[in-house]
Amino acid sequence: MLWAMLPITFRTGETAMALTLDESNRIIAAAIAKARELDIRVSVAVCDAGGRLMAFQRMDNAIWASVYGSQGKAVASAAFGRPSGDLSERAAHPTPAGIAAAEGGHMIMGQGAVPIVRAGIVEGACGVGGGTAQQDEDCARAGVATVR
């Protein structure tokens, strides 16, 4: 059945929480605030558990490549339920490489995104591009901290 494939766990008498647009926008605002604190210009992407874009913003004068970097890192983080930087070491191995290819090649398994996890369920991810790898991850973590 289709509902059995959803990445959301339902418990008797409870409803699952799904990432909302309001939450996605709060994540982006906090990530951009962190980028301003670090004096960098970034793009920030928030995707749902299936890697579909929920919200996106590119700061003025952020490099154009950051658009793709932020989204690709967010997709990878949501897919594997862990920070995208944790995936770097195994990115060329057959299984993660095959998953990335089957997904369409949009995943970037490099540092800069963190998953959004509540009650043990991956609801999405926030990816950032435009700073150093560590700055990107710091901004993503600042954003995700607003919804945990």
N, C-alpha and C. Protein backbone atom coordinates (compact mmCIF):
# COMPACT_ATOMS: atom_id res chain seq x y z
N MET A 1 0.83 -1.18 0.00
CA MET A 1 0.00 0.00 0.00
C MET A 1 0.87 1.24 0.00
N LEU A 2 0.37 2.32 -0.58
CA LEU A 2 1.13 3.55 -0.68
C LEU A 2 1.49 4.11 0.69
N TRP A 3 0.57 4.12 1.64
CA TRP A 3 0.86 4.70 2.96
C TRP A 3 1.98 3.96 3.65
N ALA A 4 2.19 2.71 3.36
CA ALA A 4 3.25 1.93 4.00
C ALA A 4 4.62 2.39 3.55
N MET A 5 4.71 3.09 2.42
CA MET A 5 6.00 3.57 1.91
C MET A 5 6.37 4.93 2.46
N LEU A 6 5.47 5.61 3.14
CA LEU A 6 5.77 6.94 3.67
C LEU A 6 6.82 6.85 4.76
N PRO A 7 7.74 7.84 4.83
CA PRO A 7 8.80 7.81 5.82
C PRO A 7 8.34 8.34 7.18
N ILE A 8 7.09 8.22 7.49
CA ILE A 8 6.54 8.72 8.74
C ILE A 8 5.96 7.55 9.52
N THR A 9 6.26 7.48 10.80
CA THR A 9 5.74 6.42 11.64
C THR A 9 4.49 6.92 12.35
N PHE A 10 3.42 6.14 12.27
CA PHE A 10 2.19 6.48 12.99
C PHE A 10 2.04 5.54 14.17
N ARG A 11 1.63 6.07 15.30
CA ARG A 11 1.39 5.26 16.48
C ARG A 11 -0.11 5.32 16.79
N THR A 12 -0.61 4.33 17.45
CA THR A 12 -2.02 4.29 17.78
C THR A 12 -2.43 5.55 18.53
N GLY A 13 -3.43 6.23 18.01
CA GLY A 13 -3.96 7.42 18.68
C GLY A 13 -3.11 8.66 18.50
N GLU A 14 -2.04 8.60 17.71
CA GLU A 14 -1.17 9.77 17.51
C GLU A 14 -1.12 10.10 16.02
N THR A 15 -0.77 11.33 15.75
CA THR A 15 -0.50 11.70 14.36
C THR A 15 0.97 12.09 14.27
N ALA A 16 1.55 11.85 13.13
CA ALA A 16 2.95 12.17 12.93
C ALA A 16 3.09 13.64 12.59
N MET A 17 4.18 14.21 13.02
CA MET A 17 4.47 15.60 12.71
C MET A 17 5.26 15.64 11.41
N ALA A 18 4.85 16.44 10.50
CA ALA A 18 5.58 16.62 9.24
C ALA A 18 6.16 18.02 9.23
N LEU A 19 7.28 18.17 8.59
CA LEU A 19 7.93 19.47 8.46
C LEU A 19 6.99 20.43 7.73
N THR A 20 6.83 21.62 8.28
CA THR A 20 5.92 22.59 7.68
C THR A 20 6.69 23.70 6.97
N LEU A 21 6.00 24.46 6.16
CA LEU A 21 6.61 25.60 5.48
C LEU A 21 7.08 26.63 6.50
N ASP A 22 6.28 26.88 7.53
CA ASP A 22 6.66 27.83 8.56
C ASP A 22 7.97 27.40 9.23
N GLU A 23 8.07 26.13 9.57
CA GLU A 23 9.30 25.63 10.18
C GLU A 23 10.48 25.74 9.22
N SER A 24 10.23 25.43 7.96
CA SER A 24 11.29 25.51 6.95
C SER A 24 11.80 26.94 6.83
N ASN A 25 10.91 27.89 6.85
CA ASN A 25 11.32 29.29 6.76
C ASN A 25 12.06 29.75 8.01
N ARG A 26 11.67 29.24 9.19
CA ARG A 26 12.41 29.56 10.43
C ARG A 26 13.82 28.99 10.38
N ILE A 27 13.95 27.79 9.86
CA ILE A 27 15.27 27.16 9.71
C ILE A 27 16.15 28.04 8.82
N ILE A 28 15.61 28.46 7.70
CA ILE A 28 16.37 29.30 6.78
C ILE A 28 16.76 30.61 7.43
N ALA A 29 15.85 31.25 8.14
CA ALA A 29 16.14 32.52 8.79
C ALA A 29 17.29 32.38 9.79
N ALA A 30 17.27 31.31 10.57
CA ALA A 30 18.34 31.10 11.56
C ALA A 30 19.67 30.77 10.89
N ALA A 31 19.63 30.01 9.81
CA ALA A 31 20.86 29.69 9.08
C ALA A 31 21.46 30.95 8.47
N ILE A 32 20.62 31.82 7.93
CA ILE A 32 21.11 33.08 7.36
C ILE A 32 21.63 34.00 8.46
N ALA A 33 20.99 34.01 9.60
CA ALA A 33 21.49 34.82 10.72
C ALA A 33 22.89 34.35 11.12
N LYS A 34 23.10 33.05 11.15
CA LYS A 34 24.43 32.51 11.47
C LYS A 34 25.44 32.90 10.39
N ALA A 35 25.03 32.86 9.14
CA ALA A 35 25.92 33.26 8.04
C ALA A 35 26.32 34.73 8.18
N ARG A 36 25.38 35.57 8.55
CA ARG A 36 25.71 36.99 8.76
C ARG A 36 26.69 37.16 9.91
N GLU A 37 26.49 36.37 10.97
CA GLU A 37 27.41 36.39 12.11
C GLU A 37 28.83 35.99 11.67
N LEU A 38 28.90 35.04 10.75
CA LEU A 38 30.20 34.57 10.24
C LEU A 38 30.72 35.45 9.10
N ASP A 39 29.93 36.42 8.67
CA ASP A 39 30.28 37.33 7.58
C ASP A 39 30.51 36.59 6.26
N ILE A 40 29.58 35.67 5.96
CA ILE A 40 29.64 34.94 4.70
C ILE A 40 28.29 35.06 4.00
N ARG A 41 28.27 34.76 2.70
CA ARG A 41 27.05 34.79 1.91
C ARG A 41 26.77 33.37 1.41
N VAL A 42 25.57 32.90 1.71
CA VAL A 42 25.25 31.50 1.43
C VAL A 42 23.88 31.34 0.78
N SER A 43 23.65 30.14 0.30
CA SER A 43 22.31 29.68 -0.08
C SER A 43 21.91 28.62 0.93
N VAL A 44 20.61 28.60 1.25
CA VAL A 44 20.09 27.64 2.24
C VAL A 44 18.88 26.93 1.63
N ALA A 45 18.93 25.60 1.70
CA ALA A 45 17.83 24.78 1.19
C ALA A 45 17.30 23.90 2.31
N VAL A 46 15.98 23.78 2.38
CA VAL A 46 15.34 22.85 3.31
C VAL A 46 14.49 21.91 2.47
N CYS A 47 14.72 20.62 2.66
CA CYS A 47 13.92 19.63 1.92
C CYS A 47 13.18 18.74 2.90
N ASP A 48 12.16 18.05 2.40
CA ASP A 48 11.41 17.12 3.23
C ASP A 48 12.14 15.77 3.27
N ALA A 49 11.55 14.79 3.90
CA ALA A 49 12.20 13.49 4.08
C ALA A 49 12.48 12.79 2.75
N GLY A 50 11.75 13.12 1.72
CA GLY A 50 11.96 12.52 0.41
C GLY A 50 12.90 13.31 -0.47
N GLY A 51 13.53 14.35 0.09
CA GLY A 51 14.48 15.15 -0.68
C GLY A 51 13.85 16.22 -1.56
N ARG A 52 12.56 16.45 -1.39
CA ARG A 52 11.88 17.48 -2.19
C ARG A 52 12.00 18.83 -1.51
N LEU A 53 12.32 19.84 -2.28
CA LEU A 53 12.55 21.19 -1.76
C LEU A 53 11.30 21.75 -1.09
N MET A 54 11.46 22.22 0.14
CA MET A 54 10.37 22.86 0.89
C MET A 54 10.51 24.38 0.84
N ALA A 55 11.76 24.85 1.02
CA ALA A 55 12.02 26.29 1.03
C ALA A 55 13.47 26.53 0.65
N PHE A 56 13.73 27.71 0.09
CA PHE A 56 15.09 28.02 -0.36
C PHE A 56 15.28 29.54 -0.35
N GLN A 57 16.48 29.96 0.02
CA GLN A 57 16.86 31.37 -0.12
C GLN A 57 18.34 31.46 -0.45
N ARG A 58 18.67 32.44 -1.29
CA ARG A 58 20.06 32.74 -1.63
C ARG A 58 20.33 34.17 -1.20
N MET A 59 21.33 34.34 -0.35
CA MET A 59 21.68 35.68 0.11
C MET A 59 22.23 36.50 -1.06
N ASP A 60 22.08 37.80 -0.97
CA ASP A 60 22.65 38.68 -1.98
C ASP A 60 24.14 38.41 -2.12
N ASN A 61 24.58 38.31 -3.35
CA ASN A 61 25.99 38.11 -3.70
C ASN A 61 26.57 36.75 -3.30
N ALA A 62 25.73 35.80 -2.95
CA ALA A 62 26.22 34.43 -2.73
C ALA A 62 26.58 33.86 -4.11
N ILE A 63 27.61 33.03 -4.16
CA ILE A 63 28.02 32.48 -5.45
C ILE A 63 26.91 31.61 -6.03
N TRP A 64 26.80 31.59 -7.35
CA TRP A 64 25.69 30.85 -7.97
C TRP A 64 25.78 29.35 -7.71
N ALA A 65 26.98 28.81 -7.58
CA ALA A 65 27.13 27.37 -7.34
C ALA A 65 26.55 26.95 -5.99
N SER A 66 26.43 27.91 -5.06
CA SER A 66 25.88 27.58 -3.74
C SER A 66 24.43 27.13 -3.82
N VAL A 67 23.75 27.54 -4.88
CA VAL A 67 22.35 27.11 -5.08
C VAL A 67 22.30 25.59 -5.19
N TYR A 68 23.17 25.04 -6.02
CA TYR A 68 23.19 23.60 -6.24
C TYR A 68 23.82 22.86 -5.07
N GLY A 69 24.85 23.43 -4.49
CA GLY A 69 25.52 22.79 -3.36
C GLY A 69 24.59 22.63 -2.17
N SER A 70 23.85 23.67 -1.84
CA SER A 70 22.96 23.60 -0.68
C SER A 70 21.87 22.56 -0.87
N GLN A 71 21.30 22.51 -2.05
CA GLN A 71 20.23 21.54 -2.32
C GLN A 71 20.75 20.12 -2.37
N GLY A 72 21.88 19.91 -3.02
CA GLY A 72 22.44 18.57 -3.13
C GLY A 72 22.85 17.98 -1.79
N LYS A 73 23.42 18.82 -0.92
CA LYS A 73 23.80 18.35 0.41
C LYS A 73 22.56 18.04 1.24
N ALA A 74 21.51 18.85 1.11
CA ALA A 74 20.27 18.60 1.85
C ALA A 74 19.64 17.28 1.41
N VAL A 75 19.62 17.00 0.12
CA VAL A 75 19.04 15.76 -0.38
C VAL A 75 19.80 14.56 0.18
N ALA A 76 21.13 14.62 0.17
CA ALA A 76 21.94 13.51 0.70
C ALA A 76 21.70 13.30 2.18
N SER A 77 21.64 14.39 2.93
CA SER A 77 21.43 14.29 4.38
C SER A 77 20.07 13.69 4.70
N ALA A 78 19.04 14.10 3.98
CA ALA A 78 17.70 13.54 4.21
C ALA A 78 17.65 12.06 3.81
N ALA A 79 18.30 11.72 2.72
CA ALA A 79 18.26 10.34 2.22
C ALA A 79 18.89 9.36 3.20
N PHE A 80 20.00 9.78 3.81
CA PHE A 80 20.74 8.86 4.68
C PHE A 80 20.52 9.14 6.17
N GLY A 81 19.80 10.22 6.48
CA GLY A 81 19.47 10.52 7.88
C GLY A 81 20.66 10.86 8.74
N ARG A 82 21.67 11.47 8.14
CA ARG A 82 22.86 11.87 8.90
C ARG A 82 23.47 13.10 8.25
N PRO A 83 24.37 13.78 8.95
CA PRO A 83 25.02 14.94 8.32
C PRO A 83 25.70 14.54 7.01
N SER A 84 25.59 15.38 6.01
CA SER A 84 26.13 15.05 4.69
C SER A 84 27.64 14.84 4.73
N GLY A 85 28.33 15.50 5.62
CA GLY A 85 29.77 15.32 5.73
C GLY A 85 30.16 13.92 6.18
N ASP A 86 29.28 13.27 6.94
CA ASP A 86 29.54 11.90 7.39
C ASP A 86 29.52 10.91 6.23
N LEU A 87 28.98 11.33 5.10
CA LEU A 87 28.85 10.45 3.95
C LEU A 87 30.06 10.51 3.02
N SER A 88 30.90 11.52 3.17
CA SER A 88 32.01 11.76 2.25
C SER A 88 32.93 10.56 2.08
N GLU A 89 33.30 9.95 3.18
CA GLU A 89 34.27 8.86 3.15
C GLU A 89 33.80 7.68 2.30
N ARG A 90 32.50 7.43 2.29
CA ARG A 90 31.97 6.27 1.57
C ARG A 90 31.25 6.66 0.27
N ALA A 91 31.33 7.91 -0.14
CA ALA A 91 30.58 8.38 -1.30
C ALA A 91 30.88 7.60 -2.58
N ALA A 92 32.11 7.13 -2.75
CA ALA A 92 32.48 6.41 -3.96
C ALA A 92 32.22 4.90 -3.87
N HIS A 93 31.83 4.42 -2.71
CA HIS A 93 31.54 2.99 -2.56
C HIS A 93 30.28 2.65 -3.35
N PRO A 94 30.16 1.40 -3.78
CA PRO A 94 29.05 1.03 -4.68
C PRO A 94 27.64 1.34 -4.17
N THR A 95 27.36 1.08 -2.90
CA THR A 95 25.98 1.29 -2.45
C THR A 95 25.60 2.76 -2.42
N PRO A 96 26.33 3.64 -1.70
CA PRO A 96 25.91 5.05 -1.73
C PRO A 96 26.01 5.67 -3.12
N ALA A 97 27.02 5.28 -3.89
CA ALA A 97 27.14 5.81 -5.25
C ALA A 97 25.97 5.35 -6.12
N GLY A 98 25.56 4.09 -5.95
CA GLY A 98 24.42 3.58 -6.69
C GLY A 98 23.12 4.26 -6.31
N ILE A 99 22.95 4.51 -5.01
CA ILE A 99 21.75 5.22 -4.54
C ILE A 99 21.72 6.62 -5.14
N ALA A 100 22.86 7.30 -5.12
CA ALA A 100 22.94 8.66 -5.67
C ALA A 100 22.63 8.65 -7.16
N ALA A 101 23.14 7.66 -7.88
CA ALA A 101 22.87 7.58 -9.32
C ALA A 101 21.39 7.29 -9.58
N ALA A 102 20.82 6.36 -8.82
CA ALA A 102 19.41 6.02 -9.00
C ALA A 102 18.51 7.20 -8.67
N GLU A 103 18.93 8.03 -7.73
CA GLU A 103 18.15 9.20 -7.33
C GLU A 103 18.21 10.28 -8.41
N GLY A 104 19.17 10.20 -9.29
CA GLY A 104 19.26 11.18 -10.37
C GLY A 104 20.52 12.03 -10.33
N GLY A 105 21.41 11.72 -9.42
CA GLY A 105 22.68 12.44 -9.34
C GLY A 105 22.62 13.78 -8.65
N HIS A 106 21.57 14.03 -7.89
CA HIS A 106 21.44 15.32 -7.22
C HIS A 106 22.12 15.38 -5.86
N MET A 107 22.47 14.23 -5.30
CA MET A 107 23.07 14.18 -3.96
C MET A 107 24.51 14.67 -3.98
N ILE A 108 24.85 15.44 -2.97
CA ILE A 108 26.24 15.84 -2.75
C ILE A 108 26.61 15.36 -1.36
N MET A 109 27.51 14.41 -1.31
CA MET A 109 27.91 13.81 -0.04
C MET A 109 29.14 14.52 0.51
N GLY A 110 28.99 15.80 0.75
CA GLY A 110 30.04 16.63 1.32
C GLY A 110 29.47 17.44 2.47
N GLN A 111 30.32 17.90 3.34
CA GLN A 111 29.91 18.60 4.56
C GLN A 111 29.11 19.86 4.25
N GLY A 112 28.04 20.06 5.04
CA GLY A 112 27.26 21.28 4.89
C GLY A 112 25.77 21.13 5.10
N ALA A 113 25.31 19.91 5.40
CA ALA A 113 23.88 19.70 5.65
C ALA A 113 23.70 18.80 6.86
N VAL A 114 22.57 19.00 7.55
CA VAL A 114 22.22 18.15 8.68
C VAL A 114 20.75 17.75 8.57
N PRO A 115 20.43 16.54 9.03
CA PRO A 115 19.03 16.10 8.96
C PRO A 115 18.18 16.78 10.03
N ILE A 116 16.91 16.82 9.77
CA ILE A 116 15.92 17.30 10.74
C ILE A 116 15.25 16.04 11.28
N VAL A 117 15.52 15.72 12.54
CA VAL A 117 15.03 14.50 13.16
C VAL A 117 14.23 14.85 14.41
N ARG A 118 12.98 14.36 14.45
CA ARG A 118 12.15 14.52 15.64
C ARG A 118 11.55 13.19 16.00
N ALA A 119 11.60 12.86 17.27
CA ALA A 119 11.06 11.59 17.78
C ALA A 119 11.64 10.41 17.00
N GLY A 120 12.91 10.52 16.62
CA GLY A 120 13.58 9.44 15.92
C GLY A 120 13.22 9.30 14.46
N ILE A 121 12.49 10.25 13.90
CA ILE A 121 12.04 10.18 12.51
C ILE A 121 12.68 11.31 11.71
N VAL A 122 13.30 10.96 10.59
CA VAL A 122 13.88 11.97 9.70
C VAL A 122 12.73 12.67 8.97
N GLU A 123 12.63 13.98 9.17
CA GLU A 123 11.58 14.76 8.52
C GLU A 123 12.08 15.59 7.36
N GLY A 124 13.40 15.64 7.20
CA GLY A 124 13.98 16.42 6.13
C GLY A 124 15.41 16.76 6.46
N ALA A 125 15.91 17.82 5.82
CA ALA A 125 17.28 18.25 6.06
C ALA A 125 17.44 19.70 5.65
N CYS A 126 18.47 20.34 6.22
CA CYS A 126 18.85 21.69 5.85
C CYS A 126 20.26 21.63 5.27
N GLY A 127 20.43 22.16 4.07
CA GLY A 127 21.73 22.21 3.44
C GLY A 127 22.13 23.65 3.17
N VAL A 128 23.42 23.92 3.32
CA VAL A 128 23.94 25.27 3.12
C VAL A 128 25.15 25.18 2.20
N GLY A 129 25.30 26.15 1.32
CA GLY A 129 26.46 26.24 0.45
C GLY A 129 26.91 27.68 0.32
N GLY A 130 28.21 27.88 0.19
CA GLY A 130 28.73 29.23 -0.04
C GLY A 130 29.88 29.59 0.87
N GLY A 131 29.99 28.95 2.03
CA GLY A 131 31.11 29.19 2.93
C GLY A 131 32.07 28.02 2.86
N THR A 132 32.92 27.89 3.86
CA THR A 132 33.72 26.68 3.95
C THR A 132 32.79 25.54 4.34
N ALA A 133 33.26 24.32 4.22
CA ALA A 133 32.44 23.17 4.59
C ALA A 133 31.96 23.28 6.03
N GLN A 134 32.87 23.67 6.94
CA GLN A 134 32.50 23.78 8.36
C GLN A 134 31.52 24.93 8.59
N GLN A 135 31.73 26.06 7.91
CA GLN A 135 30.80 27.18 8.05
C GLN A 135 29.40 26.79 7.56
N ASP A 136 29.37 26.08 6.45
CA ASP A 136 28.08 25.64 5.92
C ASP A 136 27.35 24.76 6.94
N GLU A 137 28.08 23.80 7.51
CA GLU A 137 27.45 22.91 8.50
C GLU A 137 27.02 23.69 9.74
N ASP A 138 27.85 24.64 10.18
CA ASP A 138 27.48 25.44 11.36
C ASP A 138 26.19 26.21 11.11
N CYS A 139 26.04 26.75 9.91
CA CYS A 139 24.80 27.48 9.57
C CYS A 139 23.61 26.53 9.53
N ALA A 140 23.80 25.36 8.94
CA ALA A 140 22.71 24.38 8.87
C ALA A 140 22.30 23.95 10.28
N ARG A 141 23.27 23.69 11.14
CA ARG A 141 22.96 23.29 12.52
C ARG A 141 22.20 24.40 13.26
N ALA A 142 22.59 25.64 13.05
CA ALA A 142 21.89 26.76 13.69
C ALA A 142 20.44 26.81 13.23
N GLY A 143 20.22 26.53 11.96
CA GLY A 143 18.85 26.53 11.45
C GLY A 143 18.01 25.41 12.01
N VAL A 144 18.54 24.19 11.98
CA VAL A 144 17.80 23.02 12.44
C VAL A 144 17.51 23.09 13.93
N ALA A 145 18.39 23.76 14.68
CA ALA A 145 18.18 23.89 16.13
C ALA A 145 16.88 24.61 16.47
N THR A 146 16.30 25.34 15.52
CA THR A 146 15.07 26.09 15.78
C THR A 146 13.82 25.20 15.81
N VAL A 147 13.92 23.98 15.31
CA VAL A 147 12.72 23.13 15.23
C VAL A 147 12.81 21.84 16.01
N ARG A 148 13.88 21.61 16.71
CA ARG A 148 14.02 20.35 17.46
C ARG A 148 13.28 20.43 18.75
